PDB file of all heavy atoms in Angstrom:
ATOM      1  N   ILE A   1       0.876  -1.178  -0.007  1.00  0.00           N
ATOM      2  CA  ILE A   1      -0.008  -0.012  -0.012  1.00  0.00           C
ATOM      3  C   ILE A   1       0.893   1.228   0.008  1.00  0.00           C
ATOM      4  O   ILE A   1       1.812   1.372   0.829  1.00  0.00           O
ATOM      5  CB  ILE A   1      -0.922   0.032   1.236  1.00  0.00           C
ATOM      6  CG1 ILE A   1      -1.728  -1.280   1.305  1.00  0.00           C
ATOM      7  CG2 ILE A   1      -1.824   1.230   1.194  1.00  0.00           C
ATOM      8  CD1 ILE A   1      -2.643  -1.504   0.139  1.00  0.00           C
ATOM      9  N   ASN A   2       0.673   2.128  -0.935  1.00  0.00           N
ATOM     10  CA  ASN A   2       1.488   3.322  -1.069  1.00  0.00           C
ATOM     11  C   ASN A   2       1.406   4.181   0.216  1.00  0.00           C
ATOM     12  O   ASN A   2       0.357   4.274   0.808  1.00  0.00           O
ATOM     13  CB  ASN A   2       1.082   4.174  -2.284  1.00  0.00           C
ATOM     14  CG  ASN A   2       1.296   3.432  -3.578  1.00  0.00           C
ATOM     15  OD1 ASN A   2       2.113   2.481  -3.629  1.00  0.00           O
ATOM     16  ND2 ASN A   2       0.588   3.814  -4.609  1.00  0.00           N
ATOM     17  N   SER A   3       2.518   4.771   0.587  1.00  0.00           N
ATOM     18  CA  SER A   3       2.529   5.694   1.696  1.00  0.00           C
ATOM     19  C   SER A   3       2.111   7.101   1.262  1.00  0.00           C
ATOM     20  O   SER A   3       2.537   7.576   0.182  1.00  0.00           O
ATOM     21  CB  SER A   3       3.937   5.739   2.304  1.00  0.00           C
ATOM     22  OG  SER A   3       3.992   6.702   3.307  1.00  0.00           O
ATOM     23  N   VAL A   4       1.279   7.713   2.085  1.00  0.00           N
ATOM     24  CA  VAL A   4       0.853   9.082   1.812  1.00  0.00           C
ATOM     25  C   VAL A   4       1.289  10.023   2.935  1.00  0.00           C
ATOM     26  O   VAL A   4       0.749  11.107   3.078  1.00  0.00           O
ATOM     27  CB  VAL A   4      -0.655   9.155   1.605  1.00  0.00           C
ATOM     28  CG1 VAL A   4      -1.077   8.450   0.340  1.00  0.00           C
ATOM     29  CG2 VAL A   4      -1.390   8.569   2.813  1.00  0.00           C
ATOM     30  N   LEU A   5       2.213   9.575   3.766  1.00  0.00           N
ATOM     31  CA  LEU A   5       2.654  10.366   4.931  1.00  0.00           C
ATOM     32  C   LEU A   5       3.286  11.679   4.468  1.00  0.00           C
ATOM     33  O   LEU A   5       4.036  11.733   3.485  1.00  0.00           O
ATOM     34  CB  LEU A   5       3.684   9.568   5.736  1.00  0.00           C
ATOM     35  CG  LEU A   5       4.079  10.160   7.081  1.00  0.00           C
ATOM     36  CD1 LEU A   5       2.879  10.254   8.007  1.00  0.00           C
ATOM     37  CD2 LEU A   5       5.182   9.317   7.711  1.00  0.00           C
ATOM     38  N   ASN A   6       2.900  12.764   5.138  1.00  0.00           N
ATOM     39  CA  ASN A   6       3.361  14.127   4.870  1.00  0.00           C
ATOM     40  C   ASN A   6       2.868  14.658   3.526  1.00  0.00           C
ATOM     41  O   ASN A   6       3.377  15.680   3.040  1.00  0.00           O
ATOM     42  CB  ASN A   6       4.913  14.203   4.902  1.00  0.00           C
ATOM     43  CG  ASN A   6       5.451  13.903   6.273  1.00  0.00           C
ATOM     44  OD1 ASN A   6       4.862  14.302   7.275  1.00  0.00           O
ATOM     45  ND2 ASN A   6       6.564  13.197   6.333  1.00  0.00           N
ATOM     46  N   LEU A   7       1.887  13.993   2.943  1.00  0.00           N
ATOM     47  CA  LEU A   7       1.350  14.470   1.685  1.00  0.00           C
ATOM     48  C   LEU A   7       0.503  15.733   1.930  1.00  0.00           C
ATOM     49  O   LEU A   7      -0.350  15.773   2.801  1.00  0.00           O
ATOM     50  CB  LEU A   7       0.476  13.373   1.022  1.00  0.00           C
ATOM     51  CG  LEU A   7      -0.154  13.729  -0.313  1.00  0.00           C
ATOM     52  CD1 LEU A   7       0.907  13.922  -1.376  1.00  0.00           C
ATOM     53  CD2 LEU A   7      -1.150  12.634  -0.760  1.00  0.00           C
ATOM     54  N   THR A   8       0.734  16.734   1.105  1.00  0.00           N
ATOM     55  CA  THR A   8      -0.029  17.972   1.130  1.00  0.00           C
ATOM     56  C   THR A   8      -0.666  18.209  -0.240  1.00  0.00           C
ATOM     57  O   THR A   8       0.024  18.501  -1.205  1.00  0.00           O
ATOM     58  CB  THR A   8       0.851  19.173   1.501  1.00  0.00           C
ATOM     59  OG1 THR A   8       1.497  18.938   2.747  1.00  0.00           O
ATOM     60  CG2 THR A   8       0.027  20.470   1.573  1.00  0.00           C
ATOM     61  N   PRO A   9      -1.972  17.989  -0.388  1.00  0.00           N
ATOM     62  CA  PRO A   9      -2.595  18.188  -1.673  1.00  0.00           C
ATOM     63  C   PRO A   9      -2.391  19.591  -2.237  1.00  0.00           C
ATOM     64  O   PRO A   9      -2.593  20.588  -1.527  1.00  0.00           O
ATOM     65  CB  PRO A   9      -4.085  17.915  -1.390  1.00  0.00           C
ATOM     66  CG  PRO A   9      -4.104  17.096  -0.155  1.00  0.00           C
ATOM     67  CD  PRO A   9      -2.914  17.578   0.649  1.00  0.00           C
ATOM     68  N   GLU A  10      -1.929  19.667  -3.475  1.00  0.00           N
ATOM     69  CA  GLU A  10      -1.656  20.988  -4.044  1.00  0.00           C
ATOM     70  C   GLU A  10      -2.940  21.693  -4.438  1.00  0.00           C
ATOM     71  O   GLU A  10      -3.058  22.906  -4.369  1.00  0.00           O
ATOM     72  CB  GLU A  10      -0.705  20.849  -5.256  1.00  0.00           C
ATOM     73  CG  GLU A  10       0.656  20.279  -4.902  1.00  0.00           C
ATOM     74  CD  GLU A  10       1.538  20.143  -6.096  1.00  0.00           C
ATOM     75  OE1 GLU A  10       1.075  20.465  -7.198  1.00  0.00           O
ATOM     76  OE2 GLU A  10       2.697  19.687  -5.939  1.00  0.00           O
ATOM     77  N   ASP A  11      -3.910  20.957  -4.970  1.00  0.00           N
ATOM     78  CA  ASP A  11      -5.159  21.551  -5.423  1.00  0.00           C
ATOM     79  C   ASP A  11      -6.220  21.386  -4.345  1.00  0.00           C
ATOM     80  O   ASP A  11      -6.226  20.422  -3.585  1.00  0.00           O
ATOM     81  CB  ASP A  11      -5.640  20.854  -6.715  1.00  0.00           C
ATOM     82  CG  ASP A  11      -4.633  20.991  -7.852  1.00  0.00           C
ATOM     83  OD1 ASP A  11      -3.999  22.071  -7.890  1.00  0.00           O
ATOM     84  OD2 ASP A  11      -4.504  20.068  -8.636  1.00  0.00           O
ATOM     85  N   ASP A  12      -7.130  22.336  -4.328  1.00  0.00           N
ATOM     86  CA  ASP A  12      -8.244  22.273  -3.410  1.00  0.00           C
ATOM     87  C   ASP A  12      -9.331  21.453  -4.016  1.00  0.00           C
ATOM     88  O   ASP A  12     -10.294  21.949  -4.627  1.00  0.00           O
ATOM     89  CB  ASP A  12      -8.728  23.696  -3.070  1.00  0.00           C
ATOM     90  CG  ASP A  12      -9.734  23.663  -1.920  1.00  0.00           C
ATOM     91  OD1 ASP A  12      -9.959  22.579  -1.385  1.00  0.00           O
ATOM     92  OD2 ASP A  12     -10.278  24.722  -1.586  1.00  0.00           O
ATOM     93  N   CYS A  13      -9.267  20.116  -3.840  1.00  0.00           N
ATOM     94  CA  CYS A  13     -10.184  19.220  -4.465  1.00  0.00           C
ATOM     95  C   CYS A  13     -11.549  19.183  -3.774  1.00  0.00           C
ATOM     96  O   CYS A  13     -12.495  18.586  -4.274  1.00  0.00           O
ATOM     97  CB  CYS A  13      -9.609  17.782  -4.486  1.00  0.00           C
ATOM     98  SG  CYS A  13      -8.096  17.629  -5.452  1.00  0.00           S
ATOM     99  N   PHE A  14     -11.640  19.789  -2.602  1.00  0.00           N
ATOM    100  CA  PHE A  14     -12.891  19.745  -1.847  1.00  0.00           C
ATOM    101  C   PHE A  14     -13.732  21.026  -2.070  1.00  0.00           C
ATOM    102  O   PHE A  14     -14.746  21.207  -1.381  1.00  0.00           O
ATOM    103  CB  PHE A  14     -12.600  19.591  -0.390  1.00  0.00           C
ATOM    104  CG  PHE A  14     -11.734  18.386  -0.075  1.00  0.00           C
ATOM    105  CD1 PHE A  14     -10.359  18.537   0.076  1.00  0.00           C
ATOM    106  CD2 PHE A  14     -12.299  17.163   0.092  1.00  0.00           C
ATOM    107  CE1 PHE A  14      -9.581  17.428   0.350  1.00  0.00           C
ATOM    108  CE2 PHE A  14     -11.500  16.040   0.379  1.00  0.00           C
ATOM    109  CZ  PHE A  14     -10.129  16.192   0.509  1.00  0.00           C
ATOM    110  N   SER A  15     -13.288  21.905  -2.950  1.00  0.00           N
ATOM    111  CA  SER A  15     -13.946  23.186  -3.084  1.00  0.00           C
ATOM    112  C   SER A  15     -15.387  23.052  -3.559  1.00  0.00           C
ATOM    113  O   SER A  15     -16.221  23.916  -3.298  1.00  0.00           O
ATOM    114  CB  SER A  15     -13.163  24.092  -4.043  1.00  0.00           C
ATOM    115  OG  SER A  15     -13.057  23.480  -5.315  1.00  0.00           O
ATOM    116  N   TYR A  16     -15.706  21.951  -4.275  1.00  0.00           N
ATOM    117  CA  TYR A  16     -17.077  21.802  -4.784  1.00  0.00           C
ATOM    118  C   TYR A  16     -18.047  21.349  -3.698  1.00  0.00           C
ATOM    119  O   TYR A  16     -19.264  21.390  -3.904  1.00  0.00           O
ATOM    120  CB  TYR A  16     -17.079  20.797  -5.949  1.00  0.00           C
ATOM    121  CG  TYR A  16     -17.060  19.347  -5.501  1.00  0.00           C
ATOM    122  CD1 TYR A  16     -18.219  18.587  -5.490  1.00  0.00           C
ATOM    123  CD2 TYR A  16     -15.876  18.760  -5.086  1.00  0.00           C
ATOM    124  CE1 TYR A  16     -18.195  17.271  -5.091  1.00  0.00           C
ATOM    125  CE2 TYR A  16     -15.841  17.449  -4.675  1.00  0.00           C
ATOM    126  CZ  TYR A  16     -17.023  16.692  -4.708  1.00  0.00           C
ATOM    127  OH  TYR A  16     -16.984  15.414  -4.294  1.00  0.00           O
ATOM    128  N   ILE A  17     -17.547  20.925  -2.533  1.00  0.00           N
ATOM    129  CA  ILE A  17     -18.426  20.498  -1.436  1.00  0.00           C
ATOM    130  C   ILE A  17     -18.700  21.718  -0.545  1.00  0.00           C
ATOM    131  O   ILE A  17     -17.797  22.229   0.113  1.00  0.00           O
ATOM    132  CB  ILE A  17     -17.766  19.390  -0.618  1.00  0.00           C
ATOM    133  CG1 ILE A  17     -17.353  18.219  -1.507  1.00  0.00           C
ATOM    134  CG2 ILE A  17     -18.699  18.894   0.481  1.00  0.00           C
ATOM    135  CD1 ILE A  17     -16.624  17.111  -0.797  1.00  0.00           C
ATOM    136  N   PRO A  18     -19.912  22.205  -0.496  1.00  0.00           N
ATOM    137  CA  PRO A  18     -20.214  23.437   0.278  1.00  0.00           C
ATOM    138  C   PRO A  18     -20.076  23.201   1.779  1.00  0.00           C
ATOM    139  O   PRO A  18     -20.646  22.260   2.330  1.00  0.00           O
ATOM    140  CB  PRO A  18     -21.656  23.765  -0.126  1.00  0.00           C
ATOM    141  CG  PRO A  18     -22.252  22.450  -0.539  1.00  0.00           C
ATOM    142  CD  PRO A  18     -21.139  21.669  -1.153  1.00  0.00           C
ATOM    143  N   GLN A  19     -19.274  24.056   2.421  1.00  0.00           N
ATOM    144  CA  GLN A  19     -19.115  24.069   3.905  1.00  0.00           C
ATOM    145  C   GLN A  19     -18.796  22.694   4.440  1.00  0.00           C
ATOM    146  O   GLN A  19     -19.302  22.274   5.463  1.00  0.00           O
ATOM    147  CB  GLN A  19     -20.392  24.598   4.548  1.00  0.00           C
ATOM    148  CG  GLN A  19     -20.733  26.048   4.178  1.00  0.00           C
ATOM    149  CD  GLN A  19     -21.963  26.549   4.880  1.00  0.00           C
ATOM    150  OE1 GLN A  19     -22.793  25.773   5.332  1.00  0.00           O
ATOM    151  NE2 GLN A  19     -22.102  27.838   4.990  1.00  0.00           N
ATOM    152  N   TYR A  20     -17.912  21.984   3.757  1.00  0.00           N
ATOM    153  CA  TYR A  20     -17.573  20.619   4.204  1.00  0.00           C
ATOM    154  C   TYR A  20     -16.866  20.639   5.571  1.00  0.00           C
ATOM    155  O   TYR A  20     -17.092  19.768   6.397  1.00  0.00           O
ATOM    156  CB  TYR A  20     -16.740  19.902   3.178  1.00  0.00           C
ATOM    157  CG  TYR A  20     -15.302  20.219   3.186  1.00  0.00           C
ATOM    158  CD1 TYR A  20     -14.368  19.412   3.823  1.00  0.00           C
ATOM    159  CD2 TYR A  20     -14.824  21.341   2.525  1.00  0.00           C
ATOM    160  CE1 TYR A  20     -13.037  19.711   3.845  1.00  0.00           C
ATOM    161  CE2 TYR A  20     -13.472  21.653   2.541  1.00  0.00           C
ATOM    162  CZ  TYR A  20     -12.589  20.839   3.180  1.00  0.00           C
ATOM    163  OH  TYR A  20     -11.253  21.119   3.222  1.00  0.00           O
ATOM    164  N   LYS A  21     -16.059  21.687   5.809  1.00  0.00           N
ATOM    165  CA  LYS A  21     -15.365  21.742   7.112  1.00  0.00           C
ATOM    166  C   LYS A  21     -16.350  21.974   8.240  1.00  0.00           C
ATOM    167  O   LYS A  21     -16.220  21.412   9.317  1.00  0.00           O
ATOM    168  CB  LYS A  21     -14.334  22.864   7.091  1.00  0.00           C
ATOM    169  CG  LYS A  21     -13.073  22.544   6.290  1.00  0.00           C
ATOM    170  CD  LYS A  21     -12.011  23.615   6.465  1.00  0.00           C
ATOM    171  CE  LYS A  21     -11.467  23.598   7.854  1.00  0.00           C
ATOM    172  NZ  LYS A  21     -10.312  24.547   8.020  1.00  0.00           N
ATOM    173  N   GLU A  22     -17.375  22.806   8.013  1.00  0.00           N
ATOM    174  CA  GLU A  22     -18.361  23.044   9.034  1.00  0.00           C
ATOM    175  C   GLU A  22     -19.157  21.816   9.339  1.00  0.00           C
ATOM    176  O   GLU A  22     -19.511  21.532  10.501  1.00  0.00           O
ATOM    177  CB  GLU A  22     -19.308  24.200   8.594  1.00  0.00           C
ATOM    178  CG  GLU A  22     -20.391  24.546   9.566  1.00  0.00           C
ATOM    179  CD  GLU A  22     -19.860  25.011  10.904  1.00  0.00           C
ATOM    180  OE1 GLU A  22     -18.700  25.495  11.007  1.00  0.00           O
ATOM    181  OE2 GLU A  22     -20.605  24.897  11.921  1.00  0.00           O
ATOM    182  N   LYS A  23     -19.459  21.013   8.295  1.00  0.00           N
ATOM    183  CA  LYS A  23     -20.207  19.752   8.520  1.00  0.00           C
ATOM    184  C   LYS A  23     -19.375  18.800   9.387  1.00  0.00           C
ATOM    185  O   LYS A  23     -19.923  18.160  10.282  1.00  0.00           O
ATOM    186  CB  LYS A  23     -20.548  19.135   7.188  1.00  0.00           C
ATOM    187  CG  LYS A  23     -21.530  19.915   6.362  1.00  0.00           C
ATOM    188  CD  LYS A  23     -21.813  19.299   4.997  1.00  0.00           C
ATOM    189  CE  LYS A  23     -22.794  20.121   4.173  1.00  0.00           C
ATOM    190  NZ  LYS A  23     -23.020  19.507   2.845  1.00  0.00           N
ATOM    191  N   TYR A  24     -18.096  18.695   9.118  1.00  0.00           N
ATOM    192  CA  TYR A  24     -17.247  17.834   9.923  1.00  0.00           C
ATOM    193  C   TYR A  24     -17.153  18.369  11.330  1.00  0.00           C
ATOM    194  O   TYR A  24     -17.131  17.637  12.318  1.00  0.00           O
ATOM    195  CB  TYR A  24     -15.851  17.713   9.315  1.00  0.00           C
ATOM    196  CG  TYR A  24     -15.773  16.746   8.143  1.00  0.00           C
ATOM    197  CD1 TYR A  24     -15.277  17.151   6.898  1.00  0.00           C
ATOM    198  CD2 TYR A  24     -16.188  15.426   8.304  1.00  0.00           C
ATOM    199  CE1 TYR A  24     -15.199  16.266   5.838  1.00  0.00           C
ATOM    200  CE2 TYR A  24     -16.120  14.549   7.218  1.00  0.00           C
ATOM    201  CZ  TYR A  24     -15.612  14.968   5.998  1.00  0.00           C
ATOM    202  OH  TYR A  24     -15.533  14.099   4.957  1.00  0.00           O
ATOM    203  N   ARG A  25     -17.071  19.713  11.483  1.00  0.00           N
ATOM    204  CA  ARG A  25     -16.974  20.297  12.815  1.00  0.00           C
ATOM    205  C   ARG A  25     -18.192  19.968  13.666  1.00  0.00           C
ATOM    206  O   ARG A  25     -18.123  19.852  14.879  1.00  0.00           O
ATOM    207  CB  ARG A  25     -16.798  21.819  12.723  1.00  0.00           C
ATOM    208  CG  ARG A  25     -16.327  22.495  13.987  1.00  0.00           C
ATOM    209  CD  ARG A  25     -16.361  24.002  13.859  1.00  0.00           C
ATOM    210  NE  ARG A  25     -17.740  24.507  13.736  1.00  0.00           N
ATOM    211  CZ  ARG A  25     -18.534  24.708  14.765  1.00  0.00           C
ATOM    212  NH1 ARG A  25     -18.161  24.456  15.989  1.00  0.00           N
ATOM    213  NH2 ARG A  25     -19.785  25.148  14.591  1.00  0.00           N
ATOM    214  N   GLN A  26     -19.316  19.844  12.993  1.00  0.00           N
ATOM    215  CA  GLN A  26     -20.573  19.502  13.710  1.00  0.00           C
ATOM    216  C   GLN A  26     -20.710  18.038  13.974  1.00  0.00           C
ATOM    217  O   GLN A  26     -21.714  17.582  14.532  1.00  0.00           O
ATOM    218  CB  GLN A  26     -21.794  20.047  12.926  1.00  0.00           C
ATOM    219  CG  GLN A  26     -21.831  21.573  12.837  1.00  0.00           C
ATOM    220  CD  GLN A  26     -23.012  22.056  12.013  1.00  0.00           C
ATOM    221  OE1 GLN A  26     -23.771  21.266  11.481  1.00  0.00           O
ATOM    222  NE2 GLN A  26     -23.157  23.385  11.934  1.00  0.00           N
ATOM    223  N   GLY A  27     -19.739  17.214  13.548  1.00  0.00           N
ATOM    224  CA  GLY A  27     -19.746  15.794  13.903  1.00  0.00           C
ATOM    225  C   GLY A  27     -20.053  14.830  12.782  1.00  0.00           C
ATOM    226  O   GLY A  27     -20.354  13.658  13.064  1.00  0.00           O
ATOM    227  N   LEU A  28     -20.029  15.277  11.533  1.00  0.00           N
ATOM    228  CA  LEU A  28     -20.329  14.392  10.434  1.00  0.00           C
ATOM    229  C   LEU A  28     -19.328  13.236  10.309  1.00  0.00           C
ATOM    230  O   LEU A  28     -18.102  13.462  10.352  1.00  0.00           O
ATOM    231  CB  LEU A  28     -20.323  15.197   9.129  1.00  0.00           C
ATOM    232  CG  LEU A  28     -20.434  14.362   7.835  1.00  0.00           C
ATOM    233  CD1 LEU A  28     -21.774  13.690   7.679  1.00  0.00           C
ATOM    234  CD2 LEU A  28     -20.103  15.209   6.601  1.00  0.00           C
ATOM    235  N   ILE A  29     -19.825  12.000  10.221  1.00  0.00           N
ATOM    236  CA  ILE A  29     -19.000  10.836   9.938  1.00  0.00           C
ATOM    237  C   ILE A  29     -19.403  10.373   8.540  1.00  0.00           C
ATOM    238  O   ILE A  29     -20.523   9.924   8.300  1.00  0.00           O
ATOM    239  CB  ILE A  29     -19.207   9.728  10.993  1.00  0.00           C
ATOM    240  CG1 ILE A  29     -18.823  10.263  12.364  1.00  0.00           C
ATOM    241  CG2 ILE A  29     -18.384   8.507  10.610  1.00  0.00           C
ATOM    242  CD1 ILE A  29     -19.084   9.240  13.485  1.00  0.00           C
ATOM    243  N   LEU A  30     -18.466  10.418   7.611  1.00  0.00           N
ATOM    244  CA  LEU A  30     -18.726  10.141   6.207  1.00  0.00           C
ATOM    245  C   LEU A  30     -18.269   8.740   5.865  1.00  0.00           C
ATOM    246  O   LEU A  30     -17.067   8.410   6.010  1.00  0.00           O
ATOM    247  CB  LEU A  30     -18.049  11.200   5.346  1.00  0.00           C
ATOM    248  CG  LEU A  30     -18.267  11.007   3.798  1.00  0.00           C
ATOM    249  CD1 LEU A  30     -19.719  11.160   3.453  1.00  0.00           C
ATOM    250  CD2 LEU A  30     -17.406  12.033   3.071  1.00  0.00           C
ATOM    251  N   ALA A  31     -19.171   7.911   5.315  1.00  0.00           N
ATOM    252  CA  ALA A  31     -18.837   6.554   4.866  1.00  0.00           C
ATOM    253  C   ALA A  31     -19.003   6.513   3.355  1.00  0.00           C
ATOM    254  O   ALA A  31     -20.121   6.752   2.832  1.00  0.00           O
ATOM    255  CB  ALA A  31     -19.714   5.531   5.529  1.00  0.00           C
ATOM    256  N   VAL A  32     -17.934   6.252   2.626  1.00  0.00           N
ATOM    257  CA  VAL A  32     -17.951   6.203   1.160  1.00  0.00           C
ATOM    258  C   VAL A  32     -17.666   4.769   0.743  1.00  0.00           C
ATOM    259  O   VAL A  32     -16.489   4.295   0.892  1.00  0.00           O
ATOM    260  CB  VAL A  32     -16.942   7.179   0.523  1.00  0.00           C
ATOM    261  CG1 VAL A  32     -17.006   7.065  -0.976  1.00  0.00           C
ATOM    262  CG2 VAL A  32     -17.227   8.599   0.993  1.00  0.00           C
ATOM    263  N   ASP A  33     -18.680   4.042   0.282  1.00  0.00           N
ATOM    264  CA  ASP A  33     -18.460   2.633  -0.104  1.00  0.00           C
ATOM    265  C   ASP A  33     -17.786   2.507  -1.479  1.00  0.00           C
ATOM    266  O   ASP A  33     -17.065   1.540  -1.693  1.00  0.00           O
ATOM    267  CB  ASP A  33     -19.839   1.915  -0.154  1.00  0.00           C
ATOM    268  CG  ASP A  33     -20.520   1.912   1.221  1.00  0.00           C
ATOM    269  OD1 ASP A  33     -19.777   2.008   2.242  1.00  0.00           O
ATOM    270  OD2 ASP A  33     -21.760   1.839   1.263  1.00  0.00           O
ATOM    271  N   ASP A  34     -18.027   3.473  -2.347  1.00  0.00           N
ATOM    272  CA  ASP A  34     -17.424   3.428  -3.690  1.00  0.00           C
ATOM    273  C   ASP A  34     -17.026   4.828  -4.060  1.00  0.00           C
ATOM    274  O   ASP A  34     -17.858   5.684  -4.354  1.00  0.00           O
ATOM    275  CB  ASP A  34     -18.433   2.878  -4.694  1.00  0.00           C
ATOM    276  CG  ASP A  34     -17.800   2.590  -6.057  1.00  0.00           C
ATOM    277  OD1 ASP A  34     -16.683   3.143  -6.322  1.00  0.00           O
ATOM    278  OD2 ASP A  34     -18.377   1.850  -6.846  1.00  0.00           O
ATOM    279  N   VAL A  35     -15.713   5.114  -4.063  1.00  0.00           N
ATOM    280  CA  VAL A  35     -15.256   6.500  -4.332  1.00  0.00           C
ATOM    281  C   VAL A  35     -15.529   6.873  -5.809  1.00  0.00           C
ATOM    282  O   VAL A  35     -15.759   8.076  -6.101  1.00  0.00           O
ATOM    283  CB  VAL A  35     -13.764   6.640  -3.993  1.00  0.00           C
ATOM    284  CG1 VAL A  35     -13.515   6.410  -2.519  1.00  0.00           C
ATOM    285  CG2 VAL A  35     -12.913   5.697  -4.837  1.00  0.00           C
ATOM    286  N   ASP A  36     -15.545   5.905  -6.691  1.00  0.00           N
ATOM    287  CA  ASP A  36     -15.777   6.234  -8.110  1.00  0.00           C
ATOM    288  C   ASP A  36     -17.190   6.784  -8.321  1.00  0.00           C
ATOM    289  O   ASP A  36     -17.406   7.674  -9.113  1.00  0.00           O
ATOM    290  CB  ASP A  36     -15.562   4.978  -8.963  1.00  0.00           C
ATOM    291  CG  ASP A  36     -14.133   4.538  -8.996  1.00  0.00           C
ATOM    292  OD1 ASP A  36     -13.244   5.382  -8.767  1.00  0.00           O
ATOM    293  OD2 ASP A  36     -13.861   3.330  -9.152  1.00  0.00           O
ATOM    294  N   VAL A  37     -18.134   6.214  -7.577  1.00  0.00           N
ATOM    295  CA  VAL A  37     -19.553   6.647  -7.674  1.00  0.00           C
ATOM    296  C   VAL A  37     -19.735   7.962  -6.935  1.00  0.00           C
ATOM    297  O   VAL A  37     -20.343   8.924  -7.447  1.00  0.00           O
ATOM    298  CB  VAL A  37     -20.490   5.551  -7.146  1.00  0.00           C
ATOM    299  CG1 VAL A  37     -21.923   6.070  -7.119  1.00  0.00           C
ATOM    300  CG2 VAL A  37     -20.378   4.298  -8.002  1.00  0.00           C
ATOM    301  N   ASN A  38     -19.232   8.066  -5.721  1.00  0.00           N
ATOM    302  CA  ASN A  38     -19.474   9.253  -4.903  1.00  0.00           C
ATOM    303  C   ASN A  38     -18.774  10.493  -5.428  1.00  0.00           C
ATOM    304  O   ASN A  38     -19.305  11.607  -5.282  1.00  0.00           O
ATOM    305  CB  ASN A  38     -18.977   8.991  -3.481  1.00  0.00           C
ATOM    306  CG  ASN A  38     -19.966   8.128  -2.650  1.00  0.00           C
ATOM    307  OD1 ASN A  38     -20.065   6.956  -2.925  1.00  0.00           O
ATOM    308  ND2 ASN A  38     -20.662   8.737  -1.734  1.00  0.00           N
ATOM    309  N   TYR A  39     -17.611  10.331  -6.048  1.00  0.00           N
ATOM    310  CA  TYR A  39     -16.840  11.512  -6.476  1.00  0.00           C
ATOM    311  C   TYR A  39     -16.735  11.575  -8.008  1.00  0.00           C
ATOM    312  O   TYR A  39     -15.746  12.103  -8.542  1.00  0.00           O
ATOM    313  CB  TYR A  39     -15.434  11.483  -5.866  1.00  0.00           C
ATOM    314  CG  TYR A  39     -15.458  11.480  -4.341  1.00  0.00           C
ATOM    315  CD1 TYR A  39     -14.852  10.461  -3.650  1.00  0.00           C
ATOM    316  CD2 TYR A  39     -16.106  12.479  -3.644  1.00  0.00           C
ATOM    317  CE1 TYR A  39     -14.882  10.443  -2.241  1.00  0.00           C
ATOM    318  CE2 TYR A  39     -16.147  12.468  -2.265  1.00  0.00           C
ATOM    319  CZ  TYR A  39     -15.542  11.444  -1.557  1.00  0.00           C
ATOM    320  OH  TYR A  39     -15.591  11.449  -0.179  1.00  0.00           O
TER     321      TYR A  39
END
Protein backbone atom coordinates (compact mmCIF):
# COMPACT_ATOMS: atom_id res chain seq x y z
CA ILE A 1 0.00 0.00 0.00
CA ASN A 2 1.50 3.32 -1.06
CA SER A 3 2.54 5.69 1.70
CA VAL A 4 0.85 9.09 1.81
CA LEU A 5 2.66 10.37 4.92
CA ASN A 6 3.37 14.13 4.86
CA LEU A 7 1.34 14.48 1.67
CA THR A 8 -0.03 17.98 1.13
CA PRO A 9 -2.61 18.19 -1.70
CA GLU A 10 -1.65 21.00 -4.05
CA ASP A 11 -5.16 21.53 -5.43
CA ASP A 12 -8.24 22.29 -3.39
CA CYS A 13 -10.20 19.20 -4.47
CA PHE A 14 -12.89 19.76 -1.86
CA SER A 15 -13.96 23.19 -3.08
CA TYR A 16 -17.07 21.80 -4.78
CA ILE A 17 -18.42 20.50 -1.44
CA PRO A 18 -20.22 23.44 0.27
CA GLN A 19 -19.12 24.08 3.88
CA TYR A 20 -17.59 20.63 4.22
CA LYS A 21 -15.37 21.75 7.11
CA GLU A 22 -18.36 23.06 9.04
CA LYS A 23 -20.20 19.76 8.52
CA TYR A 24 -17.25 17.84 9.92
CA ARG A 25 -16.97 20.30 12.81
CA GLN A 26 -20.57 19.51 13.71
CA GLY A 27 -19.75 15.79 13.91
CA LEU A 28 -20.34 14.39 10.42
CA ILE A 29 -19.01 10.84 9.93
CA LEU A 30 -18.75 10.14 6.21
CA ALA A 31 -18.83 6.57 4.86
CA VAL A 32 -17.96 6.20 1.16
CA ASP A 33 -18.48 2.64 -0.10
CA ASP A 34 -17.42 3.42 -3.69
CA VAL A 35 -15.26 6.49 -4.34
CA ASP A 36 -15.79 6.23 -8.11
CA VAL A 37 -19.54 6.65 -7.69
CA ASN A 38 -19.47 9.24 -4.89
CA TYR A 39 -16.83 11.51 -6.48
